All heavy atoms as atom14 arrays in JSON, in Angstrom:
{
  "sequence": "DKDAIKHSTGKNIKLLPYTTKYEKKHKDQIEKFNHC",
  "atom14_mask": [
    [1, 1, 1, 1, 1, 1, 1, 1, 0, 0, 0, 0, 0, 0],
    [1, 1, 1, 1, 1, 1, 1, 1, 1, 0, 0, 0, 0, 0],
    [1, 1, 1, 1, 1, 1, 1, 1, 0, 0, 0, 0, 0, 0],
    [1, 1, 1, 1, 1, 0, 0, 0, 0, 0, 0, 0, 0, 0],
    [1, 1, 1, 1, 1, 1, 1, 1, 0, 0, 0, 0, 0, 0],
    [1, 1, 1, 1, 1, 1, 1, 1, 1, 0, 0, 0, 0, 0],
    [1, 1, 1, 1, 1, 1, 1, 1, 1, 1, 0, 0, 0, 0],
    [1, 1, 1, 1, 1, 1, 0, 0, 0, 0, 0, 0, 0, 0],
    [1, 1, 1, 1, 1, 1, 1, 0, 0, 0, 0, 0, 0, 0],
    [1, 1, 1, 1, 0, 0, 0, 0, 0, 0, 0, 0, 0, 0],
    [1, 1, 1, 1, 1, 1, 1, 1, 1, 0, 0, 0, 0, 0],
    [1, 1, 1, 1, 1, 1, 1, 1, 0, 0, 0, 0, 0, 0],
    [1, 1, 1, 1, 1, 1, 1, 1, 0, 0, 0, 0, 0, 0],
    [1, 1, 1, 1, 1, 1, 1, 1, 1, 0, 0, 0, 0, 0],
    [1, 1, 1, 1, 1, 1, 1, 1, 0, 0, 0, 0, 0, 0],
    [1, 1, 1, 1, 1, 1, 1, 1, 0, 0, 0, 0, 0, 0],
    [1, 1, 1, 1, 1, 1, 1, 0, 0, 0, 0, 0, 0, 0],
    [1, 1, 1, 1, 1, 1, 1, 1, 1, 1, 1, 1, 0, 0],
    [1, 1, 1, 1, 1, 1, 1, 0, 0, 0, 0, 0, 0, 0],
    [1, 1, 1, 1, 1, 1, 1, 0, 0, 0, 0, 0, 0, 0],
    [1, 1, 1, 1, 1, 1, 1, 1, 1, 0, 0, 0, 0, 0],
    [1, 1, 1, 1, 1, 1, 1, 1, 1, 1, 1, 1, 0, 0],
    [1, 1, 1, 1, 1, 1, 1, 1, 1, 0, 0, 0, 0, 0],
    [1, 1, 1, 1, 1, 1, 1, 1, 1, 0, 0, 0, 0, 0],
    [1, 1, 1, 1, 1, 1, 1, 1, 1, 0, 0, 0, 0, 0],
    [1, 1, 1, 1, 1, 1, 1, 1, 1, 1, 0, 0, 0, 0],
    [1, 1, 1, 1, 1, 1, 1, 1, 1, 0, 0, 0, 0, 0],
    [1, 1, 1, 1, 1, 1, 1, 1, 0, 0, 0, 0, 0, 0],
    [1, 1, 1, 1, 1, 1, 1, 1, 1, 0, 0, 0, 0, 0],
    [1, 1, 1, 1, 1, 1, 1, 1, 0, 0, 0, 0, 0, 0],
    [1, 1, 1, 1, 1, 1, 1, 1, 1, 0, 0, 0, 0, 0],
    [1, 1, 1, 1, 1, 1, 1, 1, 1, 0, 0, 0, 0, 0],
    [1, 1, 1, 1, 1, 1, 1, 1, 1, 1, 1, 0, 0, 0],
    [1, 1, 1, 1, 1, 1, 1, 1, 0, 0, 0, 0, 0, 0],
    [1, 1, 1, 1, 1, 1, 1, 1, 1, 1, 0, 0, 0, 0],
    [1, 1, 1, 1, 1, 1, 0, 0, 0, 0, 0, 0, 0, 0]
  ],
  "atom14_positions": [
    [[6.99, 68.77, -39.61], [6.85, 69.92, -40.51], [7.35, 71.23, -39.9], [7.22, 72.3, -40.5], [5.38, 70.08, -40.93], [4.9, 68.88, -41.74], [5.73, 68.29, -42.46], [3.71, 68.54, -41.65], [0.0, 0.0, 0.0], [0.0, 0.0, 0.0], [0.0, 0.0, 0.0], [0.0, 0.0, 0.0], [0.0, 0.0, 0.0], [0.0, 0.0, 0.0]],
    [[7.93, 71.13, -38.71], [8.45, 72.33, -38.05], [9.98, 72.36, -38.16], [10.6, 71.42, -38.64], [8.01, 72.36, -36.59], [6.48, 72.45, -36.46], [6.05, 72.49, -35.01], [4.53, 72.58, -34.9], [4.07, 72.61, -33.5], [0.0, 0.0, 0.0], [0.0, 0.0, 0.0], [0.0, 0.0, 0.0], [0.0, 0.0, 0.0], [0.0, 0.0, 0.0]],
    [[10.58, 73.42, -37.67], [12.03, 73.59, -37.82], [12.84, 72.6, -36.99], [13.91, 72.18, -37.4], [12.42, 75.03, -37.43], [11.89, 76.04, -38.42], [11.64, 75.65, -39.58], [11.72, 77.21, -38.04], [0.0, 0.0, 0.0], [0.0, 0.0, 0.0], [0.0, 0.0, 0.0], [0.0, 0.0, 0.0], [0.0, 0.0, 0.0], [0.0, 0.0, 0.0]],
    [[12.35, 72.28, -35.8], [13.12, 71.4, -34.9], [12.31, 70.15, -34.57], [11.18, 70.23, -34.08], [13.49, 72.14, -33.63], [0.0, 0.0, 0.0], [0.0, 0.0, 0.0], [0.0, 0.0, 0.0], [0.0, 0.0, 0.0], [0.0, 0.0, 0.0], [0.0, 0.0, 0.0], [0.0, 0.0, 0.0], [0.0, 0.0, 0.0], [0.0, 0.0, 0.0]],
    [[12.89, 68.98, -34.82], [12.23, 67.72, -34.49], [12.23, 67.51, -32.98], [13.16, 67.93, -32.28], [12.91, 66.54, -35.21], [12.05, 65.28, -35.1], [14.32, 66.29, -34.65], [12.51, 64.16, -36.02], [0.0, 0.0, 0.0], [0.0, 0.0, 0.0], [0.0, 0.0, 0.0], [0.0, 0.0, 0.0], [0.0, 0.0, 0.0], [0.0, 0.0, 0.0]],
    [[11.19, 66.9, -32.47], [11.13, 66.63, -31.02], [10.91, 65.13, -30.81], [10.14, 64.49, -31.53], [10.0, 67.43, -30.37], [8.62, 67.18, -30.95], [7.56, 68.01, -30.26], [6.17, 67.75, -30.84], [5.11, 68.53, -30.18], [0.0, 0.0, 0.0], [0.0, 0.0, 0.0], [0.0, 0.0, 0.0], [0.0, 0.0, 0.0], [0.0, 0.0, 0.0]],
    [[11.6, 64.59, -29.81], [11.48, 63.17, -29.48], [10.75, 63.03, -28.14], [11.37, 62.99, -27.08], [12.86, 62.51, -29.42], [13.55, 62.43, -30.74], [14.29, 63.47, -31.24], [13.59, 61.44, -31.67], [14.78, 63.13, -32.43], [14.37, 61.9, -32.71], [0.0, 0.0, 0.0], [0.0, 0.0, 0.0], [0.0, 0.0, 0.0], [0.0, 0.0, 0.0]],
    [[9.45, 62.99, -28.2], [8.64, 62.85, -26.98], [8.03, 61.45, -26.94], [7.57, 60.94, -27.96], [7.54, 63.9, -26.95], [6.72, 63.8, -28.09], [0.0, 0.0, 0.0], [0.0, 0.0, 0.0], [0.0, 0.0, 0.0], [0.0, 0.0, 0.0], [0.0, 0.0, 0.0], [0.0, 0.0, 0.0], [0.0, 0.0, 0.0], [0.0, 0.0, 0.0]],
    [[8.06, 60.84, -25.78], [7.56, 59.47, -25.64], [6.46, 59.4, -24.58], [6.29, 60.32, -23.78], [8.7, 58.51, -25.25], [9.23, 58.9, -23.97], [9.83, 58.56, -26.27], [0.0, 0.0, 0.0], [0.0, 0.0, 0.0], [0.0, 0.0, 0.0], [0.0, 0.0, 0.0], [0.0, 0.0, 0.0], [0.0, 0.0, 0.0], [0.0, 0.0, 0.0]],
    [[5.75, 58.28, -24.59], [4.75, 58.03, -23.56], [3.35, 58.5, -23.89], [2.45, 58.37, -23.07], [0.0, 0.0, 0.0], [0.0, 0.0, 0.0], [0.0, 0.0, 0.0], [0.0, 0.0, 0.0], [0.0, 0.0, 0.0], [0.0, 0.0, 0.0], [0.0, 0.0, 0.0], [0.0, 0.0, 0.0], [0.0, 0.0, 0.0], [0.0, 0.0, 0.0]],
    [[3.15, 59.05, -25.11], [1.81, 59.48, -25.5], [1.06, 58.36, -26.22], [-0.12, 58.13, -25.97], [1.9, 60.72, -26.4], [2.42, 61.96, -25.69], [2.5, 63.15, -26.64], [3.03, 64.39, -25.93], [3.16, 65.54, -26.86], [0.0, 0.0, 0.0], [0.0, 0.0, 0.0], [0.0, 0.0, 0.0], [0.0, 0.0, 0.0], [0.0, 0.0, 0.0]],
    [[1.73, 57.69, -27.12], [1.1, 56.61, -27.9], [1.25, 55.26, -27.22], [0.38, 54.4, -27.34], [1.7, 56.56, -29.3], [1.46, 57.85, -30.07], [0.42, 58.49, -29.89], [2.4, 58.23, -30.91], [0.0, 0.0, 0.0], [0.0, 0.0, 0.0], [0.0, 0.0, 0.0], [0.0, 0.0, 0.0], [0.0, 0.0, 0.0], [0.0, 0.0, 0.0]],
    [[2.37, 55.05, -26.53], [2.59, 53.81, -25.8], [3.53, 54.09, -24.63], [4.56, 54.74, -24.79], [3.19, 52.7, -26.71], [3.38, 51.39, -25.93], [4.48, 53.16, -27.37], [3.77, 50.21, -26.8], [0.0, 0.0, 0.0], [0.0, 0.0, 0.0], [0.0, 0.0, 0.0], [0.0, 0.0, 0.0], [0.0, 0.0, 0.0], [0.0, 0.0, 0.0]],
    [[3.13, 53.65, -23.44], [3.96, 53.81, -22.23], [4.68, 52.5, -21.96], [4.03, 51.47, -21.78], [3.1, 54.21, -21.03], [2.65, 55.66, -21.01], [1.83, 55.94, -19.76], [1.46, 57.41, -19.65], [2.58, 58.27, -19.31], [0.0, 0.0, 0.0], [0.0, 0.0, 0.0], [0.0, 0.0, 0.0], [0.0, 0.0, 0.0], [0.0, 0.0, 0.0]],
    [[6.0, 52.56, -21.93], [6.8, 51.35, -21.72], [7.64, 51.42, -20.45], [7.77, 50.42, -19.73], [7.71, 51.12, -22.92], [6.99, 50.77, -24.23], [7.93, 50.92, -25.42], [6.43, 49.36, -24.17], [0.0, 0.0, 0.0], [0.0, 0.0, 0.0], [0.0, 0.0, 0.0], [0.0, 0.0, 0.0], [0.0, 0.0, 0.0], [0.0, 0.0, 0.0]],
    [[8.21, 52.57, -20.15], [9.08, 52.75, -18.99], [8.75, 54.09, -18.31], [8.25, 55.01, -18.97], [10.55, 52.72, -19.41], [11.09, 51.38, -19.94], [12.49, 51.57, -20.53], [11.12, 50.31, -18.86], [0.0, 0.0, 0.0], [0.0, 0.0, 0.0], [0.0, 0.0, 0.0], [0.0, 0.0, 0.0], [0.0, 0.0, 0.0], [0.0, 0.0, 0.0]],
    [[9.07, 54.23, -17.02], [8.67, 55.44, -16.28], [9.7, 56.58, -16.33], [9.61, 57.51, -15.55], [8.54, 54.91, -14.84], [9.61, 53.88, -14.75], [9.66, 53.22, -16.12], [0.0, 0.0, 0.0], [0.0, 0.0, 0.0], [0.0, 0.0, 0.0], [0.0, 0.0, 0.0], [0.0, 0.0, 0.0], [0.0, 0.0, 0.0], [0.0, 0.0, 0.0]],
    [[10.66, 56.5, -17.24], [11.79, 57.43, -17.21], [11.58, 58.66, -18.08], [10.75, 58.66, -19.0], [13.07, 56.7, -17.64], [13.29, 55.39, -16.92], [13.61, 54.23, -17.62], [13.13, 55.31, -15.54], [13.79, 53.03, -16.96], [13.31, 54.11, -14.87], [13.63, 52.97, -15.59], [13.8, 51.77, -14.94], [0.0, 0.0, 0.0], [0.0, 0.0, 0.0]],
    [[12.37, 59.69, -17.79], [12.39, 60.9, -18.59], [13.85, 61.19, -18.97], [14.77, 60.51, -18.5], [11.85, 62.12, -17.81], [12.79, 62.47, -16.77], [10.5, 61.81, -17.19], [0.0, 0.0, 0.0], [0.0, 0.0, 0.0], [0.0, 0.0, 0.0], [0.0, 0.0, 0.0], [0.0, 0.0, 0.0], [0.0, 0.0, 0.0], [0.0, 0.0, 0.0]],
    [[14.05, 62.21, -19.78], [15.41, 62.6, -20.17], [15.94, 63.71, -19.26], [16.94, 64.35, -19.56], [15.43, 63.1, -21.62], [14.52, 64.2, -21.75], [15.02, 61.99, -22.58], [0.0, 0.0, 0.0], [0.0, 0.0, 0.0], [0.0, 0.0, 0.0], [0.0, 0.0, 0.0], [0.0, 0.0, 0.0], [0.0, 0.0, 0.0], [0.0, 0.0, 0.0]],
    [[15.27, 63.93, -18.14], [15.61, 65.04, -17.24], [16.38, 64.6, -16.0], [16.38, 65.29, -14.98], [14.33, 65.77, -16.81], [13.45, 66.25, -17.96], [14.11, 67.32, -18.8], [13.16, 67.85, -19.86], [13.82, 68.84, -20.74], [0.0, 0.0, 0.0], [0.0, 0.0, 0.0], [0.0, 0.0, 0.0], [0.0, 0.0, 0.0], [0.0, 0.0, 0.0]],
    [[17.05, 63.46, -16.06], [17.76, 62.98, -14.87], [18.89, 63.94, -14.48], [19.67, 64.37, -15.33], [18.33, 61.58, -15.09], [19.12, 61.1, -13.87], [18.46, 60.55, -12.78], [20.5, 61.26, -13.8], [19.15, 60.16, -11.65], [21.21, 60.86, -12.68], [20.53, 60.31, -11.61], [21.23, 59.93, -10.48], [0.0, 0.0, 0.0], [0.0, 0.0, 0.0]],
    [[18.97, 64.22, -13.18], [20.07, 65.01, -12.62], [20.54, 64.33, -11.34], [19.84, 63.48, -10.78], [19.6, 66.43, -12.32], [19.17, 67.22, -13.55], [18.65, 68.6, -13.18], [19.01, 69.1, -12.1], [17.88, 69.17, -13.97], [0.0, 0.0, 0.0], [0.0, 0.0, 0.0], [0.0, 0.0, 0.0], [0.0, 0.0, 0.0], [0.0, 0.0, 0.0]],
    [[21.71, 64.71, -10.87], [22.29, 64.08, -9.67], [21.38, 64.2, -8.46], [21.37, 63.32, -7.59], [23.66, 64.69, -9.37], [24.76, 64.25, -10.34], [26.12, 64.8, -9.9], [27.21, 64.31, -10.85], [28.55, 64.84, -10.47], [0.0, 0.0, 0.0], [0.0, 0.0, 0.0], [0.0, 0.0, 0.0], [0.0, 0.0, 0.0], [0.0, 0.0, 0.0]],
    [[20.61, 65.28, -8.4], [19.72, 65.49, -7.26], [18.64, 64.41, -7.17], [18.06, 64.19, -6.09], [19.08, 66.87, -7.34], [18.12, 67.05, -8.52], [17.51, 68.44, -8.53], [16.53, 68.6, -9.7], [15.93, 69.96, -9.74], [0.0, 0.0, 0.0], [0.0, 0.0, 0.0], [0.0, 0.0, 0.0], [0.0, 0.0, 0.0], [0.0, 0.0, 0.0]],
    [[18.37, 63.74, -8.28], [17.32, 62.71, -8.28], [17.78, 61.42, -7.6], [16.96, 60.55, -7.31], [16.88, 62.4, -9.71], [16.15, 63.53, -10.35], [16.56, 64.13, -11.53], [15.03, 64.21, -9.97], [15.72, 65.1, -11.84], [14.79, 65.16, -10.92], [0.0, 0.0, 0.0], [0.0, 0.0, 0.0], [0.0, 0.0, 0.0], [0.0, 0.0, 0.0]],
    [[19.07, 61.3, -7.36], [19.59, 60.08, -6.71], [18.94, 59.87, -5.35], [18.68, 58.74, -4.94], [21.11, 60.18, -6.57], [21.75, 58.93, -5.99], [23.27, 59.06, -5.94], [23.91, 57.83, -5.31], [25.39, 57.94, -5.27], [0.0, 0.0, 0.0], [0.0, 0.0, 0.0], [0.0, 0.0, 0.0], [0.0, 0.0, 0.0], [0.0, 0.0, 0.0]],
    [[18.67, 60.97, -4.65], [18.04, 60.88, -3.33], [16.66, 60.26, -3.43], [16.26, 59.47, -2.57], [17.96, 62.28, -2.71], [17.37, 62.26, -1.31], [17.94, 61.57, -0.45], [16.34, 62.93, -1.07], [0.0, 0.0, 0.0], [0.0, 0.0, 0.0], [0.0, 0.0, 0.0], [0.0, 0.0, 0.0], [0.0, 0.0, 0.0], [0.0, 0.0, 0.0]],
    [[15.9, 60.61, -4.47], [14.57, 60.02, -4.66], [14.68, 58.54, -4.99], [13.88, 57.72, -4.51], [13.84, 60.76, -5.78], [13.5, 62.2, -5.44], [12.74, 62.9, -6.55], [12.11, 62.25, -7.38], [12.8, 64.22, -6.58], [0.0, 0.0, 0.0], [0.0, 0.0, 0.0], [0.0, 0.0, 0.0], [0.0, 0.0, 0.0], [0.0, 0.0, 0.0]],
    [[15.64, 58.17, -5.82], [15.83, 56.77, -6.19], [16.18, 55.93, -4.97], [15.75, 54.79, -4.82], [16.93, 56.65, -7.27], [16.48, 57.32, -8.56], [17.28, 55.18, -7.55], [17.55, 57.45, -9.62], [0.0, 0.0, 0.0], [0.0, 0.0, 0.0], [0.0, 0.0, 0.0], [0.0, 0.0, 0.0], [0.0, 0.0, 0.0], [0.0, 0.0, 0.0]],
    [[16.97, 56.54, -4.08], [17.4, 55.83, -2.87], [16.24, 55.55, -1.93], [16.22, 54.54, -1.23], [18.46, 56.68, -2.16], [19.29, 55.92, -1.16], [20.52, 56.69, -0.72], [20.7, 57.84, -1.15], [21.31, 56.14, 0.07], [0.0, 0.0, 0.0], [0.0, 0.0, 0.0], [0.0, 0.0, 0.0], [0.0, 0.0, 0.0], [0.0, 0.0, 0.0]],
    [[15.24, 56.43, -1.93], [14.11, 56.29, -1.0], [13.02, 55.43, -1.64], [11.91, 55.89, -1.93], [13.58, 57.66, -0.62], [14.57, 58.46, 0.21], [14.08, 59.86, 0.52], [15.09, 60.62, 1.37], [14.68, 62.03, 1.61], [0.0, 0.0, 0.0], [0.0, 0.0, 0.0], [0.0, 0.0, 0.0], [0.0, 0.0, 0.0], [0.0, 0.0, 0.0]],
    [[13.33, 54.16, -1.82], [12.4, 53.24, -2.49], [11.15, 52.99, -1.65], [10.12, 52.59, -2.18], [13.11, 51.92, -2.79], [12.35, 51.02, -3.73], [12.34, 51.27, -5.09], [11.63, 49.94, -3.25], [11.64, 50.45, -5.97], [10.92, 49.11, -4.12], [10.92, 49.38, -5.48], [0.0, 0.0, 0.0], [0.0, 0.0, 0.0], [0.0, 0.0, 0.0]],
    [[11.24, 53.23, -0.33], [10.06, 53.04, 0.51], [8.92, 53.98, 0.09], [7.74, 53.68, 0.3], [10.41, 53.24, 1.99], [10.87, 54.65, 2.31], [11.57, 55.28, 1.51], [10.52, 55.14, 3.47], [0.0, 0.0, 0.0], [0.0, 0.0, 0.0], [0.0, 0.0, 0.0], [0.0, 0.0, 0.0], [0.0, 0.0, 0.0], [0.0, 0.0, 0.0]],
    [[9.27, 55.12, -0.53], [8.22, 56.0, -1.06], [7.42, 55.3, -2.15], [6.2, 55.45, -2.24], [8.86, 57.27, -1.64], [9.41, 58.19, -0.6], [10.03, 59.39, -0.9], [9.45, 58.09, 0.76], [10.41, 59.99, 0.22], [10.08, 59.22, 1.23], [0.0, 0.0, 0.0], [0.0, 0.0, 0.0], [0.0, 0.0, 0.0], [0.0, 0.0, 0.0]],
    [[8.13, 54.54, -2.97], [7.48, 53.77, -4.03], [6.56, 52.7, -3.43], [5.45, 52.46, -3.92], [8.54, 53.12, -4.93], [7.89, 52.05, -6.22], [0.0, 0.0, 0.0], [0.0, 0.0, 0.0], [0.0, 0.0, 0.0], [0.0, 0.0, 0.0], [0.0, 0.0, 0.0], [0.0, 0.0, 0.0], [0.0, 0.0, 0.0], [0.0, 0.0, 0.0]]
  ]
}
């Protein structure tokens, strides 16, 4: 009912751990799997 539709996920059902905010700088975190 607002002017701009929003596509937000993970509130009603969580399926994957991803966001739409990926940037090249995140590659370093992905590489450090030992943190996980």
